[in-house]
């Protein structure tokens, strides 16, 4: 279970594990903002949202969006294959890397093992596959609400 961490001004920052959130509470770096009813860990209610005690300046939040990452692509696509909408475990490059394709949000899509193997080192059109949805560059807010 993940816990949302919000800044002192109530702006979302990121998610952490429940264990990490409890450590933040013990160190008094954060306070419980929202908790699960009637559930406790020691003396602390089980948090779903923790708020930092002091404001943290986050210049990175004002950039265009998060940096590309494999886990980010899987999260953006909700682990749905971009070709068959099955359960995705891999990331596929729409324009293959061997042809100059890069690790960017707009050139990668989550894919299941079968579709990724079928596509291989070709474009989706060459492999006879159709994209079910267009890849997009996510915002920080879209990751904070997951």
Protein backbone atom coordinates (compact mmCIF):
# COMPACT_ATOMS: atom_id res chain seq x y z
CA UNK A 1 0.00 0.00 0.00
CA UNK A 2 1.40 3.39 -1.01
CA UNK A 3 0.97 6.60 0.95
CA UNK A 4 0.69 10.00 -0.72
CA UNK A 5 3.12 12.62 0.61
CA UNK A 6 1.93 16.22 0.38
CA UNK A 7 3.93 19.37 1.05
CA UNK A 8 3.16 21.75 3.91
CA UNK A 9 1.14 23.85 1.43
CA UNK A 10 -0.96 20.72 0.61
CA UNK A 11 0.57 20.28 -2.86
CA UNK A 12 1.18 16.63 -3.86
CA UNK A 13 4.83 15.54 -3.93
CA UNK A 14 5.11 11.78 -4.44
CA UNK A 15 4.14 8.38 -3.06
CA UNK A 16 6.07 6.29 -0.54
CA UNK A 17 5.62 2.86 0.99
CA UNK A 18 3.64 2.51 4.21
CA UNK A 19 6.86 1.58 6.01
CA UNK A 20 8.57 4.77 4.81
CA UNK A 21 5.55 6.86 5.82
CA UNK A 22 5.61 5.44 9.36
CA UNK A 23 9.33 6.26 9.59
CA UNK A 24 8.52 9.83 8.57
CA UNK A 25 5.91 10.01 11.35
CA UNK A 26 8.33 8.61 13.95
CA UNK A 27 11.01 11.14 12.93
CA UNK A 28 8.33 13.87 13.10
CA UNK A 29 9.07 14.96 9.54
CA UNK A 30 5.42 14.46 8.63
CA UNK A 31 1.97 14.31 10.22
CA UNK A 32 -1.03 12.16 9.36
CA UNK A 33 -3.32 14.13 7.05
CA UNK A 34 -5.74 11.28 6.20
CA UNK A 35 -5.89 7.81 7.69
CA UNK A 36 -7.78 4.55 7.37
CA UNK A 37 -10.54 4.38 9.96
CA UNK A 38 -10.03 2.05 12.95
CA UNK A 39 -6.58 0.82 11.85
CA UNK A 40 -3.39 1.61 13.74
CA UNK A 41 0.30 0.76 13.64
CA UNK A 42 1.53 1.13 17.20
CA UNK A 43 0.33 4.57 18.29
CA UNK A 44 -0.13 5.89 14.73
CA UNK A 45 -3.27 5.55 12.63
CA UNK A 46 -2.57 3.82 9.28
CA UNK A 47 -1.99 6.80 6.98
CA UNK A 48 -3.23 7.16 3.42
CA UNK A 49 -1.89 10.74 3.15
CA UNK A 50 0.91 12.35 5.17
CA UNK A 51 1.73 16.08 5.20
CA UNK A 52 5.26 17.38 5.65
CA UNK A 53 5.76 19.57 8.72
CA UNK A 54 8.04 21.99 6.84
CA UNK A 55 7.61 23.27 3.30
CA UNK A 56 10.05 21.71 0.82
CA UNK A 57 11.01 23.72 -2.26
CA UNK A 58 10.52 21.53 -5.31
CA UNK A 59 11.86 23.21 -8.42
CA UNK A 60 11.59 19.92 -10.32
CA UNK A 61 7.77 20.11 -10.10
CA UNK A 62 7.77 23.16 -12.36
CA UNK A 63 9.47 21.43 -15.27
CA UNK A 64 7.47 20.24 -18.28
CA UNK A 65 6.94 16.83 -16.72
CA UNK A 66 8.64 13.83 -15.21
CA UNK A 67 11.70 12.30 -16.85
CA UNK A 68 11.14 9.24 -19.02
CA UNK A 69 11.43 5.88 -17.25
CA UNK A 70 10.32 2.33 -17.93
CA UNK A 71 8.24 2.23 -14.74
CA UNK A 72 6.76 5.61 -15.68
CA UNK A 73 5.58 4.30 -19.06
CA UNK A 74 3.97 1.27 -17.41
CA UNK A 75 2.26 3.53 -14.85
CA UNK A 76 1.14 6.05 -17.50
CA UNK A 77 -0.49 3.25 -19.53
CA UNK A 78 -1.94 1.54 -16.41
CA UNK A 79 -0.03 -1.62 -17.42
CA UNK A 80 -2.35 -2.02 -20.43
CA UNK A 81 -0.80 -3.21 -23.68
CA UNK A 82 -0.95 -0.50 -26.33
CA UNK A 83 -1.68 -3.09 -29.02
CA UNK A 84 -4.10 -5.65 -27.52
CA UNK A 85 -4.98 -3.98 -24.16
CA UNK A 86 -3.84 -7.10 -22.26
CA UNK A 87 -1.57 -7.00 -19.18
CA UNK A 88 1.67 -5.23 -20.12
CA UNK A 89 5.01 -6.10 -18.55
CA UNK A 90 7.42 -4.60 -21.11
CA UNK A 91 7.99 -1.27 -22.84
CA UNK A 92 8.00 -1.15 -26.64
CA UNK A 93 9.59 1.52 -28.83
CA UNK A 94 7.15 2.55 -31.57
CA UNK A 95 10.06 3.54 -33.80
CA UNK A 96 12.62 0.83 -32.88
CA UNK A 97 15.86 1.94 -31.27
CA UNK A 98 17.79 0.24 -34.09
CA UNK A 99 16.18 2.74 -36.47
CA UNK A 100 16.93 5.80 -34.36
CA UNK A 101 13.98 5.63 -31.97
CA UNK A 102 14.67 7.16 -28.57
CA UNK A 103 13.55 6.67 -24.99
CA UNK A 104 10.86 9.35 -24.98
CA UNK A 105 7.29 9.47 -23.72
CA UNK A 106 5.92 9.79 -27.26
CA UNK A 107 7.98 6.93 -28.72
CA UNK A 108 7.30 4.28 -26.07
CA UNK A 109 4.23 2.37 -25.04
CA UNK A 110 3.51 -0.45 -22.60
CA UNK A 111 3.24 -3.83 -24.30
CA UNK A 112 2.57 -7.44 -23.34
CA UNK A 113 5.28 -10.00 -24.04
CA UNK A 114 3.40 -11.50 -27.00
CA UNK A 115 2.82 -8.22 -28.84
CA UNK A 116 6.36 -7.03 -28.14
CA UNK A 117 7.80 -10.26 -29.56
CA UNK A 118 5.45 -10.13 -32.56
CA UNK A 119 6.43 -6.54 -33.37
CA UNK A 120 10.13 -7.18 -32.94
CA UNK A 121 12.39 -4.72 -34.77
CA UNK A 122 9.63 -3.23 -36.95
CA UNK A 123 7.18 -0.36 -36.80
CA UNK A 124 3.60 -1.21 -35.77
CA UNK A 125 2.40 -0.82 -39.40
CA UNK A 126 5.08 -3.20 -40.69
CA UNK A 127 4.15 -5.77 -38.03
CA UNK A 128 0.43 -5.47 -38.73
CA UNK A 129 -0.31 -4.00 -35.29
CA UNK A 130 -2.47 -0.99 -34.49
CA UNK A 131 -1.98 1.33 -31.51
CA UNK A 132 -5.12 1.31 -29.32
CA UNK A 133 -4.23 4.72 -27.82
CA UNK A 134 -1.68 7.42 -28.55
CA UNK A 135 1.19 7.82 -26.07
CA UNK A 136 1.35 11.19 -24.32
CA UNK A 137 3.74 13.03 -22.05
CA UNK A 138 2.34 12.78 -18.49
CA UNK A 139 2.20 15.62 -16.00
CA UNK A 140 3.36 15.51 -12.38
CA UNK A 141 -0.27 15.71 -11.27
CA UNK A 142 -1.24 12.58 -13.20
CA UNK A 143 1.37 10.56 -11.27
CA UNK A 144 0.37 12.05 -7.93
CA UNK A 145 -3.24 10.87 -8.31
CA UNK A 146 -2.35 7.22 -8.95
